[in-house]
Amino acid sequence: MGQAPIPVQLWEELAKAARYRAHVLAGLRDITTRQLRRQFQRNFKRPPQDWLNERRIAAAEQLLLAGWLVKAVAFELGFKQVSHFCRVFKEFKRMTPSEFVRTQIHSNHQCPEKITNVLRR
């Protein structure tokens, strides 16, 4: 009587709609957080919040490379404080958001105007 597996793409859409919070994601699925943990363990072999944080940092990378300011990215992705966003980003990427943007510019040997504007601010 279990629910049918959800494709990863739909999970990603749900993650964004849940603002990358496990308890909100469970609510969107109309299941308990415990049931959500079991589903994630079965399907992704990890806790839901770990997966959600990974998705949130991937979204942050895209926004940063699109020229968003670090502060705007933090608030867009549901962080209450920029410092918390920077700590979480650094845990995942082993560099700060600004360092990430700089390394992407240098590794691509391009300086798109959008990205360089982020570094000047």
PDB file of N, CA and C in Angstrom:
ATOM      1  N   MET A   1       0.802  -1.202   0.000  1.00  0.00           N
ATOM      2  CA  MET A   1       0.000   0.000   0.000  1.00  0.00           C
ATOM      3  C   MET A   1       0.844   1.265   0.000  1.00  0.00           C
ATOM      4  N   GLY A   2       2.164   1.154  -0.183  1.00  0.00           N
ATOM      5  CA  GLY A   2       3.030   2.319  -0.195  1.00  0.00           C
ATOM      6  C   GLY A   2       2.808   3.154  -1.442  1.00  0.00           C
ATOM      7  N   GLN A   3       3.261   4.394  -1.361  1.00  0.00           N
ATOM      8  CA  GLN A   3       3.133   5.288  -2.492  1.00  0.00           C
ATOM      9  C   GLN A   3       4.153   4.913  -3.563  1.00  0.00           C
ATOM     10  N   ALA A   4       3.811   5.208  -4.809  1.00  0.00           N
ATOM     11  CA  ALA A   4       4.711   4.931  -5.928  1.00  0.00           C
ATOM     12  C   ALA A   4       5.947   5.824  -5.801  1.00  0.00           C
ATOM     13  N   PRO A   5       7.107   5.344  -6.238  1.00  0.00           N
ATOM     14  CA  PRO A   5       8.315   6.158  -6.181  1.00  0.00           C
ATOM     15  C   PRO A   5       8.160   7.433  -7.009  1.00  0.00           C
ATOM     16  N   ILE A   6       8.768   8.494  -6.527  1.00  0.00           N
ATOM     17  CA  ILE A   6       8.702   9.778  -7.203  1.00  0.00           C
ATOM     18  C   ILE A   6       9.994   9.974  -7.982  1.00  0.00           C
ATOM     19  N   PRO A   7       9.910  10.394  -9.242  1.00  0.00           N
ATOM     20  CA  PRO A   7      11.128  10.651 -10.014  1.00  0.00           C
ATOM     21  C   PRO A   7      11.961  11.766  -9.366  1.00  0.00           C
ATOM     22  N   VAL A   8      13.278  11.688  -9.511  1.00  0.00           N
ATOM     23  CA  VAL A   8      14.184  12.660  -8.900  1.00  0.00           C
ATOM     24  C   VAL A   8      13.829  14.080  -9.327  1.00  0.00           C
ATOM     25  N   GLN A   9      13.470  14.274 -10.587  1.00  0.00           N
ATOM     26  CA  GLN A   9      13.136  15.613 -11.065  1.00  0.00           C
ATOM     27  C   GLN A   9      11.973  16.210 -10.270  1.00  0.00           C
ATOM     28  N   LEU A  10      10.970  15.385  -9.963  1.00  0.00           N
ATOM     29  CA  LEU A  10       9.842  15.867  -9.179  1.00  0.00           C
ATOM     30  C   LEU A  10      10.277  16.165  -7.749  1.00  0.00           C
ATOM     31  N   TRP A  11      11.162  15.336  -7.187  1.00  0.00           N
ATOM     32  CA  TRP A  11      11.680  15.608  -5.850  1.00  0.00           C
ATOM     33  C   TRP A  11      12.358  16.976  -5.827  1.00  0.00           C
ATOM     34  N   GLU A  12      13.104  17.298  -6.884  1.00  0.00           N
ATOM     35  CA  GLU A  12      13.800  18.577  -6.939  1.00  0.00           C
ATOM     36  C   GLU A  12      12.812  19.734  -6.984  1.00  0.00           C
ATOM     37  N   GLU A  13      11.737  19.591  -7.722  1.00  0.00           N
ATOM     38  CA  GLU A  13      10.699  20.625  -7.757  1.00  0.00           C
ATOM     39  C   GLU A  13      10.043  20.770  -6.382  1.00  0.00           C
ATOM     40  N   LEU A  14       9.770  19.644  -5.738  1.00  0.00           N
ATOM     41  CA  LEU A  14       9.183  19.677  -4.406  1.00  0.00           C
ATOM     42  C   LEU A  14      10.146  20.317  -3.401  1.00  0.00           C
ATOM     43  N   ALA A  15      11.436  20.043  -3.549  1.00  0.00           N
ATOM     44  CA  ALA A  15      12.441  20.627  -2.644  1.00  0.00           C
ATOM     45  C   ALA A  15      12.404  22.140  -2.725  1.00  0.00           C
ATOM     46  N   LYS A  16      12.339  22.657  -3.934  1.00  0.00           N
ATOM     47  CA  LYS A  16      12.281  24.112  -4.119  1.00  0.00           C
ATOM     48  C   LYS A  16      10.995  24.675  -3.516  1.00  0.00           C
ATOM     49  N   ALA A  17       9.882  24.003  -3.780  1.00  0.00           N
ATOM     50  CA  ALA A  17       8.594  24.454  -3.233  1.00  0.00           C
ATOM     51  C   ALA A  17       8.593  24.426  -1.707  1.00  0.00           C
ATOM     52  N   ALA A  18       9.344  23.493  -1.117  1.00  0.00           N
ATOM     53  CA  ALA A  18       9.419  23.359   0.337  1.00  0.00           C
ATOM     54  C   ALA A  18      10.460  24.301   0.942  1.00  0.00           C
ATOM     55  N   ARG A  19      11.097  25.127   0.096  1.00  0.00           N
ATOM     56  CA  ARG A  19      12.157  26.039   0.545  1.00  0.00           C
ATOM     57  C   ARG A  19      13.276  25.271   1.236  1.00  0.00           C
ATOM     58  N   TYR A  20      13.497  24.024   0.769  1.00  0.00           N
ATOM     59  CA  TYR A  20      14.601  23.173   1.212  1.00  0.00           C
ATOM     60  C   TYR A  20      14.517  22.812   2.696  1.00  0.00           C
ATOM     61  N   ARG A  21      13.286  22.625   3.178  1.00  0.00           N
ATOM     62  CA  ARG A  21      13.067  22.222   4.569  1.00  0.00           C
ATOM     63  C   ARG A  21      12.342  20.879   4.591  1.00  0.00           C
ATOM     64  N   ALA A  22      12.895  19.928   5.337  1.00  0.00           N
ATOM     65  CA  ALA A  22      12.358  18.560   5.354  1.00  0.00           C
ATOM     66  C   ALA A  22      10.930  18.511   5.873  1.00  0.00           C
ATOM     67  N   HIS A  23      10.626  19.223   6.941  1.00  0.00           N
ATOM     68  CA  HIS A  23       9.273  19.151   7.506  1.00  0.00           C
ATOM     69  C   HIS A  23       8.240  19.739   6.543  1.00  0.00           C
ATOM     70  N   VAL A  24       8.628  20.757   5.777  1.00  0.00           N
ATOM     71  CA  VAL A  24       7.709  21.324   4.787  1.00  0.00           C
ATOM     72  C   VAL A  24       7.533  20.354   3.620  1.00  0.00           C
ATOM     73  N   LEU A  25       8.621  19.713   3.219  1.00  0.00           N
ATOM     74  CA  LEU A  25       8.555  18.710   2.149  1.00  0.00           C
ATOM     75  C   LEU A  25       7.624  17.567   2.547  1.00  0.00           C
ATOM     76  N   ALA A  26       7.732  17.124   3.776  1.00  0.00           N
ATOM     77  CA  ALA A  26       6.841  16.061   4.257  1.00  0.00           C
ATOM     78  C   ALA A  26       5.382  16.517   4.172  1.00  0.00           C
ATOM     79  N   GLY A  27       5.134  17.764   4.562  1.00  0.00           N
ATOM     80  CA  GLY A  27       3.779  18.303   4.483  1.00  0.00           C
ATOM     81  C   GLY A  27       3.253  18.359   3.054  1.00  0.00           C
ATOM     82  N   LEU A  28       4.109  18.741   2.125  1.00  0.00           N
ATOM     83  CA  LEU A  28       3.705  18.780   0.717  1.00  0.00           C
ATOM     84  C   LEU A  28       3.344  17.389   0.201  1.00  0.00           C
ATOM     85  N   ARG A  29       4.009  16.390   0.731  1.00  0.00           N
ATOM     86  CA  ARG A  29       3.750  14.997   0.335  1.00  0.00           C
ATOM     87  C   ARG A  29       2.616  14.387   1.163  1.00  0.00           C
ATOM     88  N   ASP A  30       2.160  15.133   2.165  1.00  0.00           N
ATOM     89  CA  ASP A  30       1.101  14.658   3.059  1.00  0.00           C
ATOM     90  C   ASP A  30       1.519  13.382   3.788  1.00  0.00           C
ATOM     91  N   ILE A  31       2.786  13.400   4.255  1.00  0.00           N
ATOM     92  CA  ILE A  31       3.312  12.291   5.046  1.00  0.00           C
ATOM     93  C   ILE A  31       4.027  12.881   6.265  1.00  0.00           C
ATOM     94  N   THR A  32       4.333  12.041   7.219  1.00  0.00           N
ATOM     95  CA  THR A  32       5.062  12.506   8.396  1.00  0.00           C
ATOM     96  C   THR A  32       6.550  12.647   8.063  1.00  0.00           C
ATOM     97  N   THR A  33       7.267  13.384   8.886  1.00  0.00           N
ATOM     98  CA  THR A  33       8.710  13.512   8.668  1.00  0.00           C
ATOM     99  C   THR A  33       9.394  12.154   8.820  1.00  0.00           C
ATOM    100  N   ARG A  34       8.861  11.313   9.678  1.00  0.00           N
ATOM    101  CA  ARG A  34       9.424   9.971   9.835  1.00  0.00           C
ATOM    102  C   ARG A  34       9.264   9.151   8.551  1.00  0.00           C
ATOM    103  N   GLN A  35       8.073   9.239   7.934  1.00  0.00           N
ATOM    104  CA  GLN A  35       7.849   8.542   6.668  1.00  0.00           C
ATOM    105  C   GLN A  35       8.773   9.102   5.577  1.00  0.00           C
ATOM    106  N   LEU A  36       8.967  10.419   5.597  1.00  0.00           N
ATOM    107  CA  LEU A  36       9.865  11.040   4.629  1.00  0.00           C
ATOM    108  C   LEU A  36      11.286  10.520   4.808  1.00  0.00           C
ATOM    109  N   ARG A  37      11.735  10.422   6.057  1.00  0.00           N
ATOM    110  CA  ARG A  37      13.085   9.887   6.325  1.00  0.00           C
ATOM    111  C   ARG A  37      13.217   8.465   5.780  1.00  0.00           C
ATOM    112  N   ARG A  38      12.194   7.654   5.987  1.00  0.00           N
ATOM    113  CA  ARG A  38      12.243   6.278   5.475  1.00  0.00           C
ATOM    114  C   ARG A  38      12.306   6.248   3.956  1.00  0.00           C
ATOM    115  N   GLN A  39      11.491   7.085   3.306  1.00  0.00           N
ATOM    116  CA  GLN A  39      11.512   7.138   1.843  1.00  0.00           C
ATOM    117  C   GLN A  39      12.891   7.557   1.333  1.00  0.00           C
ATOM    118  N   PHE A  40      13.478   8.546   1.983  1.00  0.00           N
ATOM    119  CA  PHE A  40      14.789   9.012   1.540  1.00  0.00           C
ATOM    120  C   PHE A  40      15.871   7.967   1.789  1.00  0.00           C
ATOM    121  N   GLN A  41      15.781   7.292   2.902  1.00  0.00           N
ATOM    122  CA  GLN A  41      16.765   6.245   3.177  1.00  0.00           C
ATOM    123  C   GLN A  41      16.663   5.142   2.132  1.00  0.00           C
ATOM    124  N   ARG A  42      15.456   4.793   1.775  1.00  0.00           N
ATOM    125  CA  ARG A  42      15.231   3.741   0.786  1.00  0.00           C
ATOM    126  C   ARG A  42      15.660   4.193  -0.615  1.00  0.00           C
ATOM    127  N   ASN A  43      15.323   5.424  -1.000  1.00  0.00           N
ATOM    128  CA  ASN A  43      15.571   5.883  -2.368  1.00  0.00           C
ATOM    129  C   ASN A  43      16.916   6.571  -2.573  1.00  0.00           C
ATOM    130  N   PHE A  44      17.390   7.292  -1.568  1.00  0.00           N
ATOM    131  CA  PHE A  44      18.605   8.089  -1.737  1.00  0.00           C
ATOM    132  C   PHE A  44      19.732   7.681  -0.791  1.00  0.00           C
ATOM    133  N   LYS A  45      19.440   6.746   0.119  1.00  0.00           N
ATOM    134  CA  LYS A  45      20.444   6.252   1.075  1.00  0.00           C
ATOM    135  C   LYS A  45      21.032   7.373   1.938  1.00  0.00           C
ATOM    136  N   ARG A  46      20.193   8.330   2.300  1.00  0.00           N
ATOM    137  CA  ARG A  46      20.625   9.448   3.140  1.00  0.00           C
ATOM    138  C   ARG A  46      19.425  10.165   3.731  1.00  0.00           C
ATOM    139  N   PRO A  47      19.650  10.956   4.771  1.00  0.00           N
ATOM    140  CA  PRO A  47      18.539  11.709   5.372  1.00  0.00           C
ATOM    141  C   PRO A  47      18.042  12.803   4.420  1.00  0.00           C
ATOM    142  N   PRO A  48      16.765  13.137   4.504  1.00  0.00           N
ATOM    143  CA  PRO A  48      16.218  14.130   3.583  1.00  0.00           C
ATOM    144  C   PRO A  48      16.903  15.498   3.692  1.00  0.00           C
ATOM    145  N   GLN A  49      17.221  15.943   4.908  1.00  0.00           N
ATOM    146  CA  GLN A  49      17.810  17.279   5.022  1.00  0.00           C
ATOM    147  C   GLN A  49      19.191  17.348   4.384  1.00  0.00           C
ATOM    148  N   ASP A  50      19.935  16.263   4.415  1.00  0.00           N
ATOM    149  CA  ASP A  50      21.233  16.240   3.722  1.00  0.00           C
ATOM    150  C   ASP A  50      21.038  16.446   2.223  1.00  0.00           C
ATOM    151  N   TRP A  51      20.086  15.728   1.653  1.00  0.00           N
ATOM    152  CA  TRP A  51      19.802  15.850   0.228  1.00  0.00           C
ATOM    153  C   TRP A  51      19.285  17.250  -0.093  1.00  0.00           C
ATOM    154  N   LEU A  52      18.399  17.769   0.752  1.00  0.00           N
ATOM    155  CA  LEU A  52      17.848  19.108   0.529  1.00  0.00           C
ATOM    156  C   LEU A  52      18.941  20.173   0.580  1.00  0.00           C
ATOM    157  N   ASN A  53      19.854  20.045   1.522  1.00  0.00           N
ATOM    158  CA  ASN A  53      20.953  21.010   1.613  1.00  0.00           C
ATOM    159  C   ASN A  53      21.826  20.962   0.367  1.00  0.00           C
ATOM    160  N   GLU A  54      22.074  19.770  -0.132  1.00  0.00           N
ATOM    161  CA  GLU A  54      22.853  19.617  -1.364  1.00  0.00           C
ATOM    162  C   GLU A  54      22.156  20.307  -2.533  1.00  0.00           C
ATOM    163  N   ARG A  55      20.853  20.113  -2.638  1.00  0.00           N
ATOM    164  CA  ARG A  55      20.078  20.752  -3.704  1.00  0.00           C
ATOM    165  C   ARG A  55      20.089  22.266  -3.549  1.00  0.00           C
ATOM    166  N   ARG A  56      20.008  22.733  -2.312  1.00  0.00           N
ATOM    167  CA  ARG A  56      19.993  24.178  -2.055  1.00  0.00           C
ATOM    168  C   ARG A  56      21.322  24.808  -2.451  1.00  0.00           C
ATOM    169  N   ILE A  57      22.427  24.131  -2.184  1.00  0.00           N
ATOM    170  CA  ILE A  57      23.738  24.663  -2.569  1.00  0.00           C
ATOM    171  C   ILE A  57      23.889  24.630  -4.091  1.00  0.00           C
ATOM    172  N   ALA A  58      23.365  23.615  -4.739  1.00  0.00           N
ATOM    173  CA  ALA A  58      23.395  23.574  -6.210  1.00  0.00           C
ATOM    174  C   ALA A  58      22.610  24.756  -6.784  1.00  0.00           C
ATOM    175  N   ALA A  59      21.471  25.065  -6.179  1.00  0.00           N
ATOM    176  CA  ALA A  59      20.688  26.234  -6.616  1.00  0.00           C
ATOM    177  C   ALA A  59      21.474  27.517  -6.362  1.00  0.00           C
ATOM    178  N   ALA A  60      22.174  27.580  -5.233  1.00  0.00           N
ATOM    179  CA  ALA A  60      22.988  28.758  -4.911  1.00  0.00           C
ATOM    180  C   ALA A  60      24.072  28.963  -5.962  1.00  0.00           C
ATOM    181  N   GLU A  61      24.713  27.889  -6.383  1.00  0.00           N
ATOM    182  CA  GLU A  61      25.751  27.997  -7.413  1.00  0.00           C
ATOM    183  C   GLU A  61      25.190  28.646  -8.671  1.00  0.00           C
ATOM    184  N   GLN A  62      24.024  28.184  -9.092  1.00  0.00           N
ATOM    185  CA  GLN A  62      23.424  28.727 -10.311  1.00  0.00           C
ATOM    186  C   GLN A  62      23.097  30.214 -10.165  1.00  0.00           C
ATOM    187  N   LEU A  63      22.550  30.595  -9.015  1.00  0.00           N
ATOM    188  CA  LEU A  63      22.201  32.002  -8.805  1.00  0.00           C
ATOM    189  C   LEU A  63      23.453  32.876  -8.735  1.00  0.00           C
ATOM    190  N   LEU A  64      24.480  32.392  -8.064  1.00  0.00           N
ATOM    191  CA  LEU A  64      25.731  33.155  -7.980  1.00  0.00           C
ATOM    192  C   LEU A  64      26.332  33.370  -9.361  1.00  0.00           C
ATOM    193  N   LEU A  65      26.332  32.330 -10.166  1.00  0.00           N
ATOM    194  CA  LEU A  65      26.896  32.440 -11.511  1.00  0.00           C
ATOM    195  C   LEU A  65      26.028  33.283 -12.439  1.00  0.00           C
ATOM    196  N   ALA A  66      24.771  33.457 -12.068  1.00  0.00           N
ATOM    197  CA  ALA A  66      23.872  34.323 -12.844  1.00  0.00           C
ATOM    198  C   ALA A  66      24.035  35.787 -12.438  1.00  0.00           C
ATOM    199  N   GLY A  67      24.920  36.046 -11.449  1.00  0.00           N
ATOM    200  CA  GLY A  67      25.198  37.421 -11.070  1.00  0.00           C
ATOM    201  C   GLY A  67      24.515  37.909  -9.811  1.00  0.00           C
ATOM    202  N   TRP A  68      23.819  37.033  -9.105  1.00  0.00           N
ATOM    203  CA  TRP A  68      23.141  37.451  -7.877  1.00  0.00           C
ATOM    204  C   TRP A  68      24.172  37.764  -6.796  1.00  0.00           C
ATOM    205  N   LEU A  69      23.842  38.711  -5.940  1.00  0.00           N
ATOM    206  CA  LEU A  69      24.665  39.010  -4.772  1.00  0.00           C
ATOM    207  C   LEU A  69      24.528  37.882  -3.753  1.00  0.00           C
ATOM    208  N   VAL A  70      25.569  37.673  -2.972  1.00  0.00           N
ATOM    209  CA  VAL A  70      25.562  36.612  -1.959  1.00  0.00           C
ATOM    210  C   VAL A  70      24.377  36.790  -1.014  1.00  0.00           C
ATOM    211  N   LYS A  71      24.142  38.003  -0.577  1.00  0.00           N
ATOM    212  CA  LYS A  71      23.030  38.271   0.350  1.00  0.00           C
ATOM    213  C   LYS A  71      21.689  37.905  -0.280  1.00  0.00           C
ATOM    214  N   ALA A  72      21.493  38.254  -1.535  1.00  0.00           N
ATOM    215  CA  ALA A  72      20.237  37.949  -2.222  1.00  0.00           C
ATOM    216  C   ALA A  72      20.048  36.440  -2.378  1.00  0.00           C
ATOM    217  N   VAL A  73      21.127  35.737  -2.684  1.00  0.00           N
ATOM    218  CA  VAL A  73      21.058  34.273  -2.818  1.00  0.00           C
ATOM    219  C   VAL A  73      20.663  33.653  -1.482  1.00  0.00           C
ATOM    220  N   ALA A  74      21.304  34.104  -0.418  1.00  0.00           N
ATOM    221  CA  ALA A  74      21.012  33.562   0.916  1.00  0.00           C
ATOM    222  C   ALA A  74      19.531  33.690   1.250  1.00  0.00           C
ATOM    223  N   PHE A  75      18.980  34.865   1.049  1.00  0.00           N
ATOM    224  CA  PHE A  75      17.577  35.073   1.410  1.00  0.00           C
ATOM    225  C   PHE A  75      16.629  34.366   0.442  1.00  0.00           C
ATOM    226  N   GLU A  76      16.989  34.321  -0.825  1.00  0.00           N
ATOM    227  CA  GLU A  76      16.160  33.621  -1.818  1.00  0.00           C
ATOM    228  C   GLU A  76      16.032  32.140  -1.470  1.00  0.00           C
ATOM    229  N   LEU A  77      17.101  31.558  -0.930  1.00  0.00           N
ATOM    230  CA  LEU A  77      17.106  30.124  -0.649  1.00  0.00           C
ATOM    231  C   LEU A  77      16.730  29.793   0.796  1.00  0.00           C
ATOM    232  N   GLY A  78      16.193  30.773   1.497  1.00  0.00           N
ATOM    233  CA  GLY A  78      15.612  30.505   2.808  1.00  0.00           C
ATOM    234  C   GLY A  78      16.549  30.579   3.993  1.00  0.00           C
ATOM    235  N   PHE A  79      17.757  31.104   3.805  1.00  0.00           N
ATOM    236  CA  PHE A  79      18.656  31.295   4.945  1.00  0.00           C
ATOM    237  C   PHE A  79      18.266  32.583   5.644  1.00  0.00           C
ATOM    238  N   LYS A  80      18.199  32.550   6.956  1.00  0.00           N
ATOM    239  CA  LYS A  80      17.818  33.748   7.704  1.00  0.00           C
ATOM    240  C   LYS A  80      18.988  34.706   7.854  1.00  0.00           C
ATOM    241  N   GLN A  81      20.212  34.165   7.786  1.00  0.00           N
ATOM    242  CA  GLN A  81      21.392  35.003   7.917  1.00  0.00           C
ATOM    243  C   GLN A  81      22.408  34.637   6.841  1.00  0.00           C
ATOM    244  N   VAL A  82      23.036  35.664   6.306  1.00  0.00           N
ATOM    245  CA  VAL A  82      24.038  35.463   5.263  1.00  0.00           C
ATOM    246  C   VAL A  82      25.194  34.631   5.802  1.00  0.00           C
ATOM    247  N   SER A  83      25.574  34.866   7.053  1.00  0.00           N
ATOM    248  CA  SER A  83      26.699  34.121   7.625  1.00  0.00           C
ATOM    249  C   SER A  83      26.408  32.622   7.670  1.00  0.00           C
ATOM    250  N   HIS A  84      25.165  32.255   7.962  1.00  0.00           N
ATOM    251  CA  HIS A  84      24.792  30.838   7.979  1.00  0.00           C
ATOM    252  C   HIS A  84      24.892  30.257   6.570  1.00  0.00           C
ATOM    253  N   PHE A  85      24.396  30.995   5.588  1.00  0.00           N
ATOM    254  CA  PHE A  85      24.509  30.550   4.202  1.00  0.00           C
ATOM    255  C   PHE A  85      25.976  30.329   3.829  1.00  0.00           C
ATOM    256  N   CYS A  86      26.831  31.277   4.177  1.00  0.00           N
ATOM    257  CA  CYS A  86      28.253  31.163   3.830  1.00  0.00           C
ATOM    258  C   CYS A  86      28.898  29.947   4.499  1.00  0.00           C
ATOM    259  N   ARG A  87      28.521  29.671   5.753  1.00  0.00           N
ATOM    260  CA  ARG A  87      29.057  28.493   6.448  1.00  0.00           C
ATOM    261  C   ARG A  87      28.623  27.202   5.769  1.00  0.00           C
ATOM    262  N   VAL A  88      27.348  27.105   5.448  1.00  0.00           N
ATOM    263  CA  VAL A  88      26.826  25.892   4.798  1.00  0.00           C
ATOM    264  C   VAL A  88      27.453  25.742   3.413  1.00  0.00           C
ATOM    265  N   PHE A  89      27.532  26.832   2.666  1.00  0.00           N
ATOM    266  CA  PHE A  89      28.140  26.777   1.340  1.00  0.00           C
ATOM    267  C   PHE A  89      29.573  26.279   1.444  1.00  0.00           C
ATOM    268  N   LYS A  90      30.311  26.803   2.413  1.00  0.00           N
ATOM    269  CA  LYS A  90      31.714  26.416   2.581  1.00  0.00           C
ATOM    270  C   LYS A  90      31.845  24.949   2.997  1.00  0.00           C
ATOM    271  N   GLU A  91      30.913  24.452   3.802  1.00  0.00           N
ATOM    272  CA  GLU A  91      30.928  23.034   4.177  1.00  0.00           C
ATOM    273  C   GLU A  91      30.826  22.145   2.938  1.00  0.00           C
ATOM    274  N   PHE A  92      29.976  22.545   2.009  1.00  0.00           N
ATOM    275  CA  PHE A  92      29.761  21.737   0.812  1.00  0.00           C
ATOM    276  C   PHE A  92      30.835  21.937  -0.242  1.00  0.00           C
ATOM    277  N   LYS A  93      31.234  23.172  -0.461  1.00  0.00           N
ATOM    278  CA  LYS A  93      32.119  23.499  -1.575  1.00  0.00           C
ATOM    279  C   LYS A  93      33.575  23.730  -1.165  1.00  0.00           C
ATOM    280  N   ARG A  94      33.831  23.772   0.146  1.00  0.00           N
ATOM    281  CA  ARG A  94      35.182  24.013   0.664  1.00  0.00           C
ATOM    282  C   ARG A  94      35.737  25.370   0.224  1.00  0.00           C
ATOM    283  N   MET A  95      34.828  26.313  -0.024  1.00  0.00           N
ATOM    284  CA  MET A  95      35.198  27.688  -0.338  1.00  0.00           C
ATOM    285  C   MET A  95      33.974  28.562  -0.110  1.00  0.00           C
ATOM    286  N   THR A  96      34.207  29.846   0.062  1.00  0.00           N
ATOM    287  CA  THR A  96      33.092  30.768   0.268  1.00  0.00           C
ATOM    288  C   THR A  96      32.360  30.995  -1.057  1.00  0.00           C
ATOM    289  N   PRO A  97      31.159  31.555  -0.998  1.00  0.00           N
ATOM    290  CA  PRO A  97      30.450  31.851  -2.254  1.00  0.00           C
ATOM    291  C   PRO A  97      31.249  32.776  -3.175  1.00  0.00           C
ATOM    292  N   SER A  98      31.902  33.780  -2.624  1.00  0.00           N
ATOM    293  CA  SER A  98      32.698  34.707  -3.446  1.00  0.00           C
ATOM    294  C   SER A  98      33.891  34.000  -4.068  1.00  0.00           C
ATOM    295  N   GLU A  99      34.537  33.139  -3.299  1.00  0.00           N
ATOM    296  CA  GLU A  99      35.653  32.359  -3.848  1.00  0.00           C
ATOM    297  C   GLU A  99      35.167  31.458  -4.974  1.00  0.00           C
ATOM    298  N   PHE A 100      33.990  30.868  -4.792  1.00  0.00           N
ATOM    299  CA  PHE A 100      33.413  30.012  -5.826  1.00  0.00           C
ATOM    300  C   PHE A 100      33.242  30.784  -7.130  1.00  0.00           C
ATOM    301  N   VAL A 101      32.686  31.993  -7.048  1.00  0.00           N
ATOM    302  CA  VAL A 101      32.471  32.799  -8.250  1.00  0.00           C
ATOM    303  C   VAL A 101      33.812  33.122  -8.903  1.00  0.00           C
ATOM    304  N   ARG A 102      34.789  33.522  -8.094  1.00  0.00           N
ATOM    305  CA  ARG A 102      36.117  33.844  -8.646  1.00  0.00           C
ATOM    306  C   ARG A 102      36.747  32.637  -9.334  1.00  0.00           C
ATOM    307  N   THR A 103      36.659  31.464  -8.715  1.00  0.00           N
ATOM    308  CA  THR A 103      37.278  30.281  -9.333  1.00  0.00           C
ATOM    309  C   THR A 103      36.569  29.903 -10.626  1.00  0.00           C
ATOM    310  N   GLN A 104      35.261  30.109 -10.680  1.00  0.00           N
ATOM    311  CA  GLN A 104      34.522  29.800 -11.909  1.00  0.00           C
ATOM    312  C   GLN A 104      34.922  30.747 -13.034  1.00  0.00           C
ATOM    313  N   ILE A 105      35.128  32.000 -12.705  1.00  0.00           N
ATOM    314  CA  ILE A 105      35.554  32.979 -13.708  1.00  0.00           C
ATOM    315  C   ILE A 105      36.921  32.586 -14.248  1.00  0.00           C
ATOM    316  N   HIS A 106      37.848  32.288 -13.339  1.00  0.00           N
ATOM    317  CA  HIS A 106      39.208  31.963 -13.761  1.00  0.00           C
ATOM    318  C   HIS A 106      39.278  30.626 -14.488  1.00  0.00           C
ATOM    319  N   SER A 107      38.497  29.654 -14.074  1.00  0.00           N
ATOM    320  CA  SER A 107      38.558  28.350 -14.733  1.00  0.00           C
ATOM    321  C   SER A 107      37.939  28.393 -16.125  1.00  0.00           C
ATOM    322  N   ASN A 108      37.008  29.325 -16.339  1.00  0.00           N
ATOM    323  CA  ASN A 108      36.384  29.457 -17.664  1.00  0.00           C
ATOM    324  C   ASN A 108      37.137  30.435 -18.559  1.00  0.00           C
ATOM    325  N   HIS A 109      38.117  31.137 -18.000  1.00  0.00           N
ATOM    326  CA  HIS A 109      38.897  32.123 -18.737  1.00  0.00           C
ATOM    327  C   HIS A 109      38.001  33.156 -19.406  1.00  0.00           C
ATOM    328  N   GLN A 110      36.881  33.419 -18.754  1.00  0.00           N
ATOM    329  CA  GLN A 110      35.952  34.421 -19.258  1.00  0.00           C
ATOM    330  C   GLN A 110      35.550  35.306 -18.094  1.00  0.00           C
ATOM    331  N   CYS A 111      35.186  36.494 -18.393  1.00  0.00           N
ATOM    332  CA  CYS A 111      34.696  37.418 -17.373  1.00  0.00           C
ATOM    333  C   CYS A 111      33.370  37.998 -17.832  1.00  0.00           C
ATOM    334  N   PRO A 112      32.321  37.192 -17.819  1.00  0.00           N
ATOM    335  CA  PRO A 112      31.031  37.746 -18.204  1.00  0.00           C
ATOM    336  C   PRO A 112      30.682  38.920 -17.291  1.00  0.00           C
ATOM    337  N   GLU A 113      30.109  39.946 -17.849  1.00  0.00           N
ATOM    338  CA  GLU A 113      29.800  41.166 -17.103  1.00  0.00           C
ATOM    339  C   GLU A 113      28.962  40.882 -15.860  1.00  0.00           C
ATOM    340  N   LYS A 114      27.997  39.976 -15.983  1.00  0.00           N
ATOM    341  CA  LYS A 114      27.144  39.654 -14.833  1.00  0.00           C
ATOM    342  C   LYS A 114      27.967  39.160 -13.648  1.00  0.00           C
ATOM    343  N   ILE A 115      28.880  38.255 -13.902  1.00  0.00           N
ATOM    344  CA  ILE A 115      29.647  37.652 -12.811  1.00  0.00           C
ATOM    345  C   ILE A 115      30.642  38.642 -12.238  1.00  0.00           C
ATOM    346  N   THR A 116      31.300  39.432 -13.067  1.00  0.00           N
ATOM    347  CA  THR A 116      32.284  40.372 -12.544  1.00  0.00           C
ATOM    348  C   THR A 116      31.621  41.454 -11.718  1.00  0.00           C
ATOM    349  N   ASN A 117      30.358  41.776 -12.015  1.00  0.00           N
ATOM    350  CA  ASN A 117      29.641  42.755 -11.209  1.00  0.00           C
ATOM    351  C   ASN A 117      29.484  42.278  -9.768  1.00  0.00           C
ATOM    352  N   VAL A 118      29.314  40.985  -9.572  1.00  0.00           N
ATOM    353  CA  VAL A 118      29.178  40.419  -8.228  1.00  0.00           C
ATOM    354  C   VAL A 118      30.453  40.676  -7.440  1.00  0.00           C
ATOM    355  N   LEU A 119      31.603  40.516  -8.075  1.00  0.00           N
ATOM    356  CA  LEU A 119      32.872  40.676  -7.392  1.00  0.00           C
ATOM    357  C   LEU A 119      33.172  42.119  -7.043  1.00  0.00           C
ATOM    358  N   ARG A 120      32.635  43.045  -7.797  1.00  0.00           N
ATOM    359  CA  ARG A 120      32.890  44.462  -7.518  1.00  0.00           C
ATOM    360  C   ARG A 120      32.070  44.972  -6.350  1.00  0.00           C
ATOM    361  N   ARG A 121      30.967  44.344  -6.027  1.00  0.00           N
ATOM    362  CA  ARG A 121      30.065  44.859  -4.984  1.00  0.00           C
ATOM    363  C   ARG A 121      30.533  44.559  -3.620  1.00  0.00           C
TER     364      ARG A 121
END
